[in-house]
């Protein structure tokens, strides 16, 4: 496959918004250029991290067009074309083909919750059949969708549609991944959809993952790509060192805090892409927030984000240095200035629970 789709690091790109909530296309192009400048294997447009559920289809298509045009000849372009409506996915995939994308990512249909059998027969197979020359990547993330395409059905899809020889695996279940390898065979590509366990997936002899679709490579494309490339080359020791340095960032994909309310303490979970976009705002990479119903963080949550940024900058500044250089920002000030911290809180936090 062109651009090495079987191996490497692919960024699940955030979608930057202006203060009024409109897409910031200038910011989008800057972030794409940043990714390419520091060696990313490919870019995924409008996945979960790109807030696809809150984009109109016109916006969805325009972002795919932008990513496809900006990456052409430079890195791979993957379009998020999944839906809980097969007709929509067929249409979006057709547009991705016309735009020149290298692959499409199809998340399991959310909310209506089809069985694995139905996902295979009524969703993935029709798209793979309609576009046999397009690489199809099923995206299995039951924690968000409430359903799951099983390893056995992935193998049946691959048997009948060789263009669907991939999966983005985000079950968090290593045994499920081992079963996928056992069912699908050595020629099948398993990509990690979970930053925190990508290394474990790639070194496990029964999984043999070959890359990752990463959230935190939005912030550190050079370091995350280098970690993956070292694993591909067999340098487990070097990759492990990088994974250790990156692990605080990987822990920010979801931020959970205990918050006090007038009625007792509750657990509050800020899910992707809220924490990564908060850190990107702090670092000066983007300005706008997420789209509702995603909103802001609690003060405790933002403090975790700030502390993590400071820790990484203090202990392994080379991880964040490329962003500082590309976006021409003073990270020391942005991470540690008390006045700026108040500004971040005012913009990125709710005043109370």
Foldseek 3Di string as FASTA:
>chain_A
DPLPPLFFEEEADAFFADAVGHTDVVLLLLLLVLLLVQPHQYYEAQDVLNVVVPDDVVVLLVRLLSRLVSCVPRHAYEYEQAELDQVSSLVSVVSNVVSPHQAYEYEQYADVADALVCCLPVHPQVNCVVCLNHQYEYEAACVGRVYGNALQSLQVSCVVRVSDLHYADHPPDLVRLLSNCVSNDDVGAYAYAQLLCRLVQCPPPSRNHRYYHDHCCSQFSNLRRVLSVCSNVVVSVVSVVSSVLCVLVSVQQKFWDWAQDPVGIDIDIQHHPQLVVLLCCLQVSHPYGDDPPRAAAAPVRSVSSLVSLVVSCVPPVVRRVSVCVSNVHDNVCSSDPPVNVVVSCVRHHDPGD
